Amino acid sequence: MSTGAVANWGTMESREGIVQPQTFTFAEGSDAFVLESGSRLGPITVVYETYGVLNRERSNAILIAHALTGDHHAAGKNHPSEKTPGWWDDLIGPGKPFDTNRFFIICSNVLGGCRGTTGPASINPATGRPYGMNFPVYTIRDMVRVQKALIDHLGIERLLLVAGGSMGGMQVLEWGVTYPDMMDGLLPIATAGRMTAMGIAFNEIMRQTIMLDPAWNGGDYAPGKGPAQGLAIARMLGMVTYRSDELFTARFGRRMTNNQPKAYFDFNNRFEIESYLHYQGDKLVRRFDANTYIYLCKAMDLLDVGRGRGGYEKALASITARTLFIGVDSDWLYPPVYMIEMAEIMKKAGCDARYWELKSPHGHDAFLIEFERMRPLVASFVNELADMRQL
């Protein structure tokens, strides 16, 4: 696509807000994608959605990166019967901070995902069976390089902004270090530039709950089958780390599902918090692949933006994009102190880095919940970048 051509990349969106996922396949044959580990992988299919229209100058593109169990469906609906829109629908759309009347928004399912992009649940062309644990180990950096291939495919040379929370925020930081001259702004939320020991510990417990389920079978299980109990328990633990004691106390307290006196001593009578965790575990099992969960947690554990780049501080100092870190005061999975540290390192190096703290009882997951509080700040930052680009 030439610079002066009218861009034809746009959302497949109707008046009802229905969006159509799109696919891009690359790294075929001798051009296989080389992962950080040295393993070769291909072909790679990437599933993504776009919202809005890319302008003539291709200067209004924003990339959104999703978290651990998220996917490419960040806004709108895939079908009229869908009850819940995309996971950042409150921020993406006409008149919203990521205004689709002005900006072209892209969100892809990450490398190694299980929502259409090539991953452990995909069919290995060499065997005709799902890769399972034969899929190569990949990193957050590999995810970003695959996203870069998609951005190149869309004919975009420079992004206005890369934004995301949690694992999405890790991708944002990798984008800033790996391709420092390719974006105007970065918006990492509730995240880290290198996985903490506590985070690795929780991820290992979650992996073990899956791998010790007899139905895991070394990762070799039929599509739609597998270690349902192990994955459900992993999700239960994850949900505990995503919220706060304040929230759980206010929402559930010590209430039981059956308040009859005789039921108090019955193991089948659960506290409401227990029922909530079981519900969340069962809900994830219906839509997510267990091997993918194992691989994604491993990719997060391996994250260190300074690895192979002269160290953590040197890597962060290489970021040239304006960066707004958003932390959550009740987030004990990725405590704000780590984002404050990154902002200070960058400011010391002369980078334009800022930190803002979201006050919320919702813990780590506040970036998926506290939209009313986030909207003004996100909109202000996006508009600042757009004004710089004269959009």
Protein backbone atom coordinates (compact mmCIF):
# COMPACT_ATOMS: atom_id res chain seq x y z
CA MET A 1 0.00 0.00 0.00
CA SER A 2 1.50 3.32 -1.00
CA THR A 3 1.62 6.21 1.43
CA GLY A 4 -0.99 8.18 -0.48
CA ALA A 5 -3.45 5.32 -0.91
CA VAL A 6 -6.73 5.19 0.96
CA ALA A 7 -6.40 2.55 3.64
CA ASN A 8 -9.00 -0.19 3.38
CA TRP A 9 -8.34 -1.80 6.72
CA GLY A 10 -11.44 -1.20 8.81
CA THR A 11 -13.78 -2.85 11.21
CA MET A 12 -16.34 -5.38 10.01
CA GLU A 13 -18.86 -3.60 12.25
CA SER A 14 -22.57 -3.16 11.75
CA ARG A 15 -24.98 -0.76 13.42
CA GLU A 16 -25.48 -3.37 16.13
CA GLY A 17 -21.78 -3.24 17.00
CA ILE A 18 -21.06 -6.71 15.60
CA VAL A 19 -17.38 -7.27 14.80
CA GLN A 20 -15.87 -9.98 12.63
CA PRO A 21 -12.52 -11.55 13.60
CA GLN A 22 -9.91 -11.57 10.84
CA THR A 23 -6.88 -13.80 10.25
CA PHE A 24 -3.35 -13.37 8.98
CA THR A 25 -1.01 -16.29 8.27
CA PHE A 26 2.74 -16.01 7.82
CA ALA A 27 6.05 -17.82 8.49
CA GLU A 28 5.36 -20.60 6.04
CA GLY A 29 7.85 -23.08 4.59
CA SER A 30 11.49 -22.02 4.67
CA ASP A 31 10.52 -18.67 6.17
CA ALA A 32 9.53 -20.22 9.50
CA PHE A 33 9.49 -17.86 12.49
CA VAL A 34 12.53 -18.26 14.76
CA LEU A 35 11.64 -17.96 18.43
CA GLU A 36 13.95 -16.60 21.11
CA SER A 37 14.68 -20.18 22.13
CA GLY A 38 16.00 -20.89 18.64
CA SER A 39 13.04 -23.14 17.78
CA ARG A 40 11.40 -22.63 14.41
CA LEU A 41 7.63 -22.33 14.10
CA GLY A 42 5.33 -22.00 11.13
CA PRO A 43 2.96 -21.42 9.63
CA ILE A 44 1.61 -19.00 12.23
CA THR A 45 -1.97 -17.81 12.01
CA VAL A 46 -2.93 -14.67 13.96
CA VAL A 47 -6.56 -13.87 14.77
CA TYR A 48 -7.34 -10.20 15.31
CA GLU A 49 -10.09 -7.60 15.32
CA THR A 50 -9.98 -3.98 14.25
CA TYR A 51 -12.25 -1.09 15.14
CA GLY A 52 -12.45 2.20 13.25
CA VAL A 53 -10.73 3.09 10.00
CA LEU A 54 -7.05 3.55 9.22
CA ASN A 55 -6.50 7.04 7.81
CA ARG A 56 -4.70 7.91 4.56
CA GLU A 57 -1.43 8.64 6.37
CA ARG A 58 -1.74 5.44 8.43
CA SER A 59 -0.96 7.54 11.47
CA ASN A 60 -3.95 6.86 13.73
CA ALA A 61 -3.34 3.21 14.70
CA ILE A 62 -3.48 2.03 18.32
CA LEU A 63 -2.52 -1.50 19.36
CA ILE A 64 -4.30 -3.05 22.35
CA ALA A 65 -2.68 -6.05 24.08
CA HIS A 66 -4.69 -8.52 26.15
CA ALA A 67 -4.04 -10.21 29.50
CA LEU A 68 -3.54 -13.90 30.39
CA THR A 69 -6.97 -15.35 29.59
CA GLY A 70 -8.10 -12.51 27.35
CA ASP A 71 -8.17 -12.55 23.56
CA HIS A 72 -8.55 -10.46 20.42
CA HIS A 73 -12.19 -9.58 21.18
CA ALA A 74 -11.61 -6.29 22.98
CA ALA A 75 -14.78 -4.44 21.96
CA GLY A 76 -18.19 -4.86 20.38
CA LYS A 77 -19.90 -8.21 19.88
CA ASN A 78 -19.18 -11.16 17.61
CA HIS A 79 -22.86 -12.14 17.37
CA PRO A 80 -26.20 -10.48 18.15
CA SER A 81 -26.92 -13.11 20.82
CA GLU A 82 -23.69 -12.37 22.68
CA LYS A 83 -24.51 -11.04 26.14
CA THR A 84 -21.12 -9.64 27.05
CA PRO A 85 -19.15 -7.36 24.70
CA GLY A 86 -15.36 -7.25 24.44
CA TRP A 87 -13.24 -7.00 27.57
CA TRP A 88 -12.37 -3.28 27.04
CA ASP A 89 -15.62 -2.28 25.38
CA ASP A 90 -16.09 0.54 27.90
CA LEU A 91 -12.89 2.17 26.61
CA ILE A 92 -13.12 1.39 22.87
CA GLY A 93 -15.77 2.89 20.61
CA PRO A 94 -17.25 6.16 19.33
CA GLY A 95 -16.69 8.94 21.84
CA LYS A 96 -14.77 6.68 24.22
CA PRO A 97 -11.08 7.15 25.15
CA PHE A 98 -10.03 4.92 22.25
CA ASP A 99 -12.38 6.77 19.95
CA THR A 100 -13.13 4.71 16.84
CA ASN A 101 -14.31 7.86 15.06
CA ARG A 102 -10.69 9.07 15.21
CA PHE A 103 -8.47 6.04 15.70
CA PHE A 104 -7.88 2.63 14.17
CA ILE A 105 -7.76 0.10 17.01
CA ILE A 106 -6.11 -3.32 16.62
CA CYS A 107 -6.24 -6.22 19.06
CA SER A 108 -4.82 -9.68 18.28
CA ASN A 109 -4.85 -12.97 20.12
CA VAL A 110 -1.24 -13.52 21.23
CA LEU A 111 1.16 -16.12 19.90
CA GLY A 112 0.49 -19.30 21.87
CA GLY A 113 -3.13 -18.37 22.57
CA CYS A 114 -6.09 -20.70 22.18
CA ARG A 115 -8.61 -18.35 20.59
CA GLY A 116 -7.51 -18.79 16.99
CA THR A 117 -3.84 -17.80 16.98
CA THR A 118 -1.34 -20.65 16.63
CA GLY A 119 -0.64 -22.25 20.00
CA PRO A 120 -0.48 -25.56 21.89
CA ALA A 121 -4.11 -26.38 21.02
CA SER A 122 -3.48 -25.87 17.29
CA ILE A 123 -2.93 -28.76 14.90
CA ASN A 124 0.73 -29.56 14.32
CA PRO A 125 1.04 -29.92 10.51
CA ALA A 126 3.78 -32.51 11.00
CA THR A 127 1.55 -34.89 12.99
CA GLY A 128 -2.05 -33.91 12.28
CA ARG A 129 -2.65 -33.74 16.05
CA PRO A 130 -2.68 -30.82 18.51
CA TYR A 131 0.82 -29.65 19.43
CA GLY A 132 0.17 -30.06 23.14
CA MET A 133 3.44 -29.93 25.05
CA ASN A 134 5.39 -30.35 21.80
CA PHE A 135 4.72 -26.68 21.12
CA PRO A 136 7.97 -24.70 21.59
CA VAL A 137 8.37 -22.44 24.61
CA TYR A 138 7.78 -18.82 23.63
CA THR A 139 8.23 -15.48 25.39
CA ILE A 140 6.49 -12.14 25.69
CA ARG A 141 9.15 -10.85 23.29
CA ASP A 142 8.10 -13.50 20.76
CA MET A 143 4.46 -12.40 21.14
CA VAL A 144 5.48 -8.83 20.34
CA ARG A 145 7.48 -9.88 17.27
CA VAL A 146 4.45 -11.74 15.95
CA GLN A 147 2.32 -8.63 16.56
CA LYS A 148 4.92 -6.63 14.63
CA ALA A 149 4.46 -8.99 11.66
CA LEU A 150 0.72 -8.29 11.82
CA ILE A 151 1.29 -4.52 11.98
CA ASP A 152 3.59 -4.76 8.95
CA HIS A 153 0.91 -6.77 7.15
CA LEU A 154 -1.58 -3.96 7.82
CA GLY A 155 0.81 -1.48 6.22
CA ILE A 156 1.40 0.51 9.41
CA GLU A 157 4.86 1.97 9.92
CA ARG A 158 4.27 3.73 13.22
CA LEU A 159 1.74 3.27 16.02
CA LEU A 160 0.20 6.13 17.93
CA LEU A 161 0.00 4.06 21.11
CA VAL A 162 0.41 0.56 22.52
CA ALA A 163 -1.76 -0.12 25.57
CA GLY A 164 -2.65 -3.04 27.84
CA GLY A 165 -2.88 -4.34 31.38
CA SER A 166 -1.27 -7.24 33.25
CA MET A 167 0.26 -9.59 30.63
CA GLY A 168 -0.89 -6.99 28.11
CA GLY A 169 1.20 -4.40 29.95
CA MET A 170 4.21 -6.71 29.68
CA GLN A 171 3.75 -6.70 25.92
CA VAL A 172 3.48 -2.90 25.97
CA LEU A 173 6.87 -2.62 27.70
CA GLU A 174 8.47 -5.13 25.32
CA TRP A 175 7.14 -3.10 22.40
CA GLY A 176 8.76 0.02 23.86
CA VAL A 177 12.16 -1.64 24.24
CA THR A 178 12.16 -3.84 21.13
CA TYR A 179 10.82 -1.19 18.73
CA PRO A 180 11.58 2.14 20.45
CA ASP A 181 11.09 4.24 17.30
CA MET A 182 7.79 2.73 16.27
CA MET A 183 5.27 4.38 18.58
CA ASP A 184 4.48 7.75 20.16
CA GLY A 185 3.10 6.44 23.43
CA LEU A 186 2.97 3.50 25.81
CA LEU A 187 0.24 2.77 28.36
CA PRO A 188 1.27 -0.15 30.62
CA ILE A 189 -1.27 -0.87 33.38
CA ALA A 190 -1.00 -3.07 36.50
CA THR A 191 2.07 -4.85 35.22
CA ALA A 192 5.81 -5.48 35.58
CA GLY A 193 8.91 -5.21 33.42
CA ARG A 194 10.21 -8.46 34.86
CA MET A 195 8.20 -11.12 36.60
CA THR A 196 8.47 -11.03 40.38
CA ALA A 197 9.39 -14.03 42.53
CA MET A 198 5.88 -13.96 44.00
CA GLY A 199 4.34 -14.02 40.54
CA ILE A 200 6.51 -16.95 39.49
CA ALA A 201 5.50 -18.79 42.67
CA PHE A 202 1.79 -18.41 41.97
CA ASN A 203 2.27 -19.44 38.34
CA GLU A 204 4.11 -22.59 39.36
CA ILE A 205 1.34 -23.61 41.75
CA MET A 206 -1.20 -23.08 38.97
CA ARG A 207 0.87 -25.13 36.52
CA GLN A 208 1.18 -27.96 39.03
CA THR A 209 -2.55 -28.11 39.67
CA ILE A 210 -3.02 -28.70 35.94
CA MET A 211 -0.13 -31.12 35.45
CA LEU A 212 -1.07 -33.27 38.46
CA ASP A 213 -4.59 -33.78 37.13
CA PRO A 214 -4.57 -37.37 35.71
CA ALA A 215 -6.56 -36.15 32.70
CA TRP A 216 -3.66 -33.90 31.68
CA ASN A 217 -1.84 -37.00 30.43
CA GLY A 218 1.44 -35.20 29.82
CA GLY A 219 -0.40 -32.60 27.76
CA ASP A 220 -1.76 -35.18 25.31
CA TYR A 221 -5.54 -34.95 25.47
CA ALA A 222 -8.32 -34.67 22.91
CA PRO A 223 -9.74 -31.27 21.93
CA GLY A 224 -12.46 -30.27 24.37
CA LYS A 225 -11.20 -32.75 26.95
CA GLY A 226 -8.30 -32.60 29.38
CA PRO A 227 -7.58 -31.60 32.98
CA ALA A 228 -10.78 -29.72 33.78
CA GLN A 229 -10.36 -30.00 37.54
CA GLY A 230 -6.73 -28.89 37.46
CA LEU A 231 -7.45 -25.91 35.23
CA ALA A 232 -10.44 -24.91 37.37
CA ILE A 233 -8.33 -24.95 40.53
CA ALA A 234 -5.61 -22.93 38.79
CA ARG A 235 -8.20 -20.34 37.90
CA MET A 236 -9.52 -20.31 41.47
CA LEU A 237 -6.04 -19.47 42.74
CA GLY A 238 -5.61 -16.89 40.02
CA MET A 239 -8.85 -15.15 40.96
CA VAL A 240 -7.65 -14.82 44.56
CA THR A 241 -4.51 -13.00 43.34
CA TYR A 242 -6.55 -10.73 41.06
CA ARG A 243 -8.76 -9.30 43.80
CA SER A 244 -8.29 -7.89 47.31
CA ASP A 245 -9.28 -8.86 50.85
CA GLU A 246 -11.26 -5.63 51.10
CA LEU A 247 -13.34 -6.56 48.07
CA PHE A 248 -13.94 -10.18 49.10
CA THR A 249 -14.91 -9.12 52.62
CA ALA A 250 -17.37 -6.52 51.37
CA ARG A 251 -18.86 -8.75 48.70
CA PHE A 252 -18.97 -12.13 50.44
CA GLY A 253 -17.95 -11.78 54.08
CA ARG A 254 -18.58 -15.05 55.92
CA ARG A 255 -21.97 -15.69 54.36
CA MET A 256 -22.88 -19.25 53.43
CA THR A 257 -25.04 -20.47 50.56
CA ASN A 258 -27.30 -22.32 53.01
CA ASN A 259 -28.06 -20.48 56.24
CA GLN A 260 -29.98 -23.29 57.93
CA PRO A 261 -28.43 -24.11 61.35
CA LYS A 262 -27.90 -27.80 60.56
CA ALA A 263 -26.15 -26.96 57.27
CA TYR A 264 -23.41 -25.04 59.08
CA PHE A 265 -21.43 -28.25 59.69
CA ASP A 266 -22.01 -29.76 56.25
CA PHE A 267 -19.03 -29.94 53.87
CA ASN A 268 -21.44 -29.54 50.96
CA ASN A 269 -22.49 -26.15 52.29
CA ARG A 270 -20.08 -23.62 50.88
CA PHE A 271 -19.22 -20.12 51.90
CA GLU A 272 -20.26 -17.70 49.16
CA ILE A 273 -16.62 -16.95 48.37
CA GLU A 274 -16.07 -20.66 47.74
CA SER A 275 -19.03 -20.82 45.36
CA TYR A 276 -17.71 -17.77 43.54
CA LEU A 277 -14.30 -19.37 43.02
CA HIS A 278 -15.82 -22.63 41.79
CA TYR A 279 -17.99 -20.67 39.37
CA GLN A 280 -14.97 -18.81 37.99
CA GLY A 281 -13.00 -22.05 37.63
CA ASP A 282 -15.79 -23.83 35.78
CA LYS A 283 -16.36 -20.80 33.58
CA LEU A 284 -12.74 -20.74 32.38
CA VAL A 285 -12.69 -24.49 31.67
CA ARG A 286 -15.50 -23.99 29.16
CA ARG A 287 -13.50 -21.55 27.05
CA PHE A 288 -9.77 -22.07 27.64
CA ASP A 289 -7.14 -24.71 26.91
CA ALA A 290 -5.08 -26.08 29.83
CA ASN A 291 -1.79 -26.43 27.92
CA THR A 292 -2.15 -22.85 26.71
CA TYR A 293 -2.54 -21.72 30.32
CA ILE A 294 0.70 -23.54 31.22
CA TYR A 295 2.63 -21.96 28.33
CA LEU A 296 1.32 -18.43 28.89
CA CYS A 297 2.26 -18.56 32.58
CA LYS A 298 5.75 -19.73 31.56
CA ALA A 299 6.07 -16.85 29.09
CA MET A 300 5.20 -14.40 31.85
CA ASP A 301 7.74 -16.00 34.20
CA LEU A 302 10.49 -15.57 31.58
CA LEU A 303 9.75 -11.87 31.18
CA ASP A 304 12.66 -9.52 31.85
CA VAL A 305 12.89 -6.58 29.45
CA GLY A 306 16.57 -6.23 30.38
CA ARG A 307 17.56 -9.80 29.47
CA GLY A 308 20.22 -9.69 26.77
CA ARG A 309 20.04 -5.90 26.62
CA GLY A 310 22.55 -4.81 29.20
CA GLY A 311 20.23 -5.01 32.19
CA TYR A 312 16.90 -3.75 33.40
CA GLU A 313 17.74 -0.06 33.78
CA LYS A 314 19.50 0.17 30.44
CA ALA A 315 16.55 -1.44 28.65
CA LEU A 316 13.98 0.88 30.25
CA ALA A 317 16.20 3.88 29.52
CA SER A 318 16.09 2.99 25.82
CA ILE A 319 12.35 3.67 25.60
CA THR A 320 11.68 6.86 23.63
CA ALA A 321 7.86 6.87 23.65
CA ARG A 322 5.88 8.93 26.13
CA THR A 323 4.89 6.48 28.82
CA LEU A 324 2.04 6.58 31.31
CA PHE A 325 2.15 3.86 33.96
CA ILE A 326 -1.10 3.14 35.80
CA GLY A 327 -0.92 1.15 39.03
CA VAL A 328 -3.67 -0.02 41.38
CA ASP A 329 -3.25 0.69 45.08
CA SER A 330 -4.83 -2.66 46.12
CA ASP A 331 -2.93 -4.77 43.56
CA TRP A 332 -0.79 -7.21 45.52
CA LEU A 333 0.05 -9.38 42.49
CA TYR A 334 1.89 -6.52 40.74
CA PRO A 335 2.29 -3.92 43.50
CA PRO A 336 2.49 -0.29 42.36
CA VAL A 337 6.03 -0.01 43.70
CA TYR A 338 7.29 -1.87 40.63
CA MET A 339 5.68 0.57 38.21
CA ILE A 340 6.89 3.52 40.26
CA GLU A 341 10.39 2.06 40.05
CA MET A 342 10.18 1.78 36.25
CA ALA A 343 8.91 5.34 35.91
CA GLU A 344 11.73 6.64 38.10
CA ILE A 345 14.37 4.73 36.13
CA MET A 346 13.04 6.18 32.90
CA LYS A 347 12.77 9.73 34.23
CA LYS A 348 16.32 9.54 35.53
CA ALA A 349 17.41 8.64 31.99
CA GLY A 350 15.54 11.64 30.56
CA CYS A 351 12.52 9.72 29.30
CA ASP A 352 9.00 11.14 29.41
CA ALA A 353 7.54 8.75 31.99
CA ARG A 354 4.68 9.34 34.40
CA TYR A 355 2.89 7.33 37.03
CA TRP A 356 -0.74 7.52 38.16
CA GLU A 357 -2.33 5.36 40.82
CA LEU A 358 -5.87 4.10 40.64
CA LYS A 359 -7.56 3.92 44.04
CA SER A 360 -9.78 0.86 44.00
CA PRO A 361 -10.77 -2.12 46.17
CA HIS A 362 -10.86 -4.37 43.10
CA GLY A 363 -7.18 -5.31 43.22
CA HIS A 364 -5.24 -6.30 40.13
CA ASP A 365 -8.41 -6.67 38.03
CA ALA A 366 -9.34 -3.01 38.51
CA PHE A 367 -8.09 -2.26 34.98
CA LEU A 368 -10.97 -4.47 33.73
CA ILE A 369 -13.55 -2.95 36.08
CA GLU A 370 -12.89 0.69 37.06
CA PHE A 371 -13.73 2.20 33.70
CA GLU A 372 -15.40 5.34 35.07
CA ARG A 373 -12.22 6.29 36.93
CA MET A 374 -9.90 5.34 34.09
CA ARG A 375 -11.70 7.04 31.22
CA PRO A 376 -10.65 10.67 31.88
CA LEU A 377 -6.98 9.83 32.33
CA VAL A 378 -6.77 7.47 29.36
CA ALA A 379 -8.65 9.91 27.13
CA SER A 380 -6.36 12.76 28.15
CA PHE A 381 -3.23 10.73 27.36
CA VAL A 382 -4.56 9.51 24.01
CA ASN A 383 -5.62 13.04 23.02
CA GLU A 384 -2.20 14.36 24.01
CA LEU A 385 -0.55 11.90 21.64
CA ALA A 386 -3.08 12.67 18.90
CA ASP A 387 -2.40 16.40 19.23
CA MET A 388 1.33 15.74 18.87
CA ARG A 389 0.59 13.84 15.65
CA GLN A 390 -1.92 16.56 14.62
CA LEU A 391 -4.68 14.02 14.10
